[in-house]
Amino acid sequence: MHLIQDQKMTVFVKKHILKIAGIIVGGIVGFAYYHFVGCASGTCPITSSPYISTIYGALMGYLLFDMIKKKEHETN
């Protein structure tokens, strides 16, 4: 039973590897932006909170990496 679940998870990860990488990279960049640039006054809606900044970065990373498409092999 566990072998089948592991195979399904492996197939899922291989299929969505770019999207997963985009979420991770975007989250890191979003947090780094909060940490190094941020908003001292607290009036900036995105960069005033590390959570919102990280989530926003992850979303932007997902959207950016989702534009990259893997080439599919043609079979004739």
C-alpha atoms as a PDB file:
ATOM      1  CA  MET A   1       0.000   0.000   0.000  1.00  0.00           C
ATOM      2  CA  HIS A   2       2.777   2.444   0.909  1.00  0.00           C
ATOM      3  CA  LEU A   3       4.640   1.628  -2.290  1.00  0.00           C
ATOM      4  CA  ILE A   4       1.682   2.740  -4.404  1.00  0.00           C
ATOM      5  CA  GLN A   5       1.374   5.998  -2.434  1.00  0.00           C
ATOM      6  CA  ASP A   6       5.112   6.632  -2.802  1.00  0.00           C
ATOM      7  CA  GLN A   7       4.887   6.093  -6.556  1.00  0.00           C
ATOM      8  CA  LYS A   8       1.945   8.492  -6.824  1.00  0.00           C
ATOM      9  CA  MET A   9       3.832  11.117  -4.824  1.00  0.00           C
ATOM     10  CA  THR A  10       6.918  10.694  -7.015  1.00  0.00           C
ATOM     11  CA  VAL A  11       4.853  11.114 -10.181  1.00  0.00           C
ATOM     12  CA  PHE A  12       3.155  14.200  -8.714  1.00  0.00           C
ATOM     13  CA  VAL A  13       6.465  15.812  -7.730  1.00  0.00           C
ATOM     14  CA  LYS A  14       8.043  15.096 -11.126  1.00  0.00           C
ATOM     15  CA  LYS A  15       5.022  16.552 -12.897  1.00  0.00           C
ATOM     16  CA  HIS A  16       4.924  19.749 -10.810  1.00  0.00           C
ATOM     17  CA  ILE A  17       8.617  20.260  -9.986  1.00  0.00           C
ATOM     18  CA  LEU A  18       8.826  23.726 -11.559  1.00  0.00           C
ATOM     19  CA  LYS A  19       5.764  24.977  -9.697  1.00  0.00           C
ATOM     20  CA  ILE A  20       7.090  23.624  -6.387  1.00  0.00           C
ATOM     21  CA  ALA A  21      10.467  25.242  -7.035  1.00  0.00           C
ATOM     22  CA  GLY A  22       8.736  28.529  -7.890  1.00  0.00           C
ATOM     23  CA  ILE A  23       6.835  28.508  -4.604  1.00  0.00           C
ATOM     24  CA  ILE A  24      10.012  27.828  -2.616  1.00  0.00           C
ATOM     25  CA  VAL A  25      12.179  30.368  -4.454  1.00  0.00           C
ATOM     26  CA  GLY A  26       9.424  32.994  -4.405  1.00  0.00           C
ATOM     27  CA  GLY A  27       8.861  32.524  -0.676  1.00  0.00           C
ATOM     28  CA  ILE A  28      12.565  32.960   0.016  1.00  0.00           C
ATOM     29  CA  VAL A  29      12.750  36.069  -2.172  1.00  0.00           C
ATOM     30  CA  GLY A  30       9.588  37.494  -0.557  1.00  0.00           C
ATOM     31  CA  PHE A  31      10.996  37.043   2.932  1.00  0.00           C
ATOM     32  CA  ALA A  32      14.366  38.442   1.873  1.00  0.00           C
ATOM     33  CA  TYR A  33      12.601  41.502   0.467  1.00  0.00           C
ATOM     34  CA  TYR A  34      10.797  41.983   3.789  1.00  0.00           C
ATOM     35  CA  HIS A  35      14.018  41.536   5.745  1.00  0.00           C
ATOM     36  CA  PHE A  36      16.319  43.743   3.680  1.00  0.00           C
ATOM     37  CA  VAL A  37      13.921  46.352   2.247  1.00  0.00           C
ATOM     38  CA  GLY A  38      10.712  46.055   4.247  1.00  0.00           C
ATOM     39  CA  CYS A  39       8.566  48.897   5.469  1.00  0.00           C
ATOM     40  CA  ALA A  40       9.600  50.727   8.631  1.00  0.00           C
ATOM     41  CA  SER A  41       6.349  52.632   9.126  1.00  0.00           C
ATOM     42  CA  GLY A  42       4.070  49.588   8.891  1.00  0.00           C
ATOM     43  CA  THR A  43       1.771  51.252   6.365  1.00  0.00           C
ATOM     44  CA  CYS A  44       2.850  49.100   3.414  1.00  0.00           C
ATOM     45  CA  PRO A  45       0.276  46.314   3.013  1.00  0.00           C
ATOM     46  CA  ILE A  46       2.605  43.704   1.523  1.00  0.00           C
ATOM     47  CA  THR A  47       6.027  44.389   3.021  1.00  0.00           C
ATOM     48  CA  SER A  48       4.973  45.290   6.580  1.00  0.00           C
ATOM     49  CA  SER A  49       4.506  41.646   7.614  1.00  0.00           C
ATOM     50  CA  PRO A  50       6.949  38.780   7.002  1.00  0.00           C
ATOM     51  CA  TYR A  51       4.047  36.351   6.531  1.00  0.00           C
ATOM     52  CA  ILE A  52       2.267  38.389   3.884  1.00  0.00           C
ATOM     53  CA  SER A  53       5.531  39.202   2.123  1.00  0.00           C
ATOM     54  CA  THR A  54       6.521  35.519   2.046  1.00  0.00           C
ATOM     55  CA  ILE A  55       3.098  34.390   0.791  1.00  0.00           C
ATOM     56  CA  TYR A  56       3.059  37.121  -1.859  1.00  0.00           C
ATOM     57  CA  GLY A  57       6.569  36.119  -2.980  1.00  0.00           C
ATOM     58  CA  ALA A  58       5.553  32.456  -3.134  1.00  0.00           C
ATOM     59  CA  LEU A  59       2.522  33.345  -5.249  1.00  0.00           C
ATOM     60  CA  MET A  60       4.624  35.446  -7.627  1.00  0.00           C
ATOM     61  CA  GLY A  61       7.226  32.657  -7.839  1.00  0.00           C
ATOM     62  CA  TYR A  62       4.515  30.117  -8.643  1.00  0.00           C
ATOM     63  CA  LEU A  63       3.084  32.328 -11.387  1.00  0.00           C
ATOM     64  CA  LEU A  64       6.514  33.085 -12.832  1.00  0.00           C
ATOM     65  CA  PHE A  65       7.690  29.474 -12.856  1.00  0.00           C
ATOM     66  CA  ASP A  66       4.301  28.310 -14.173  1.00  0.00           C
ATOM     67  CA  MET A  67       4.964  30.261 -17.381  1.00  0.00           C
ATOM     68  CA  ILE A  68       7.922  27.957 -18.069  1.00  0.00           C
ATOM     69  CA  LYS A  69       6.678  24.873 -19.860  1.00  0.00           C
ATOM     70  CA  LYS A  70       8.540  21.621 -20.239  1.00  0.00           C
ATOM     71  CA  LYS A  71       8.896  20.336 -23.767  1.00  0.00           C
ATOM     72  CA  GLU A  72       6.857  17.242 -24.392  1.00  0.00           C
ATOM     73  CA  HIS A  73       8.251  14.525 -26.600  1.00  0.00           C
ATOM     74  CA  GLU A  74       6.351  14.084 -29.826  1.00  0.00           C
ATOM     75  CA  THR A  75       5.387  10.578 -30.815  1.00  0.00           C
ATOM     76  CA  ASN A  76       4.436   9.832 -34.377  1.00  0.00           C
END
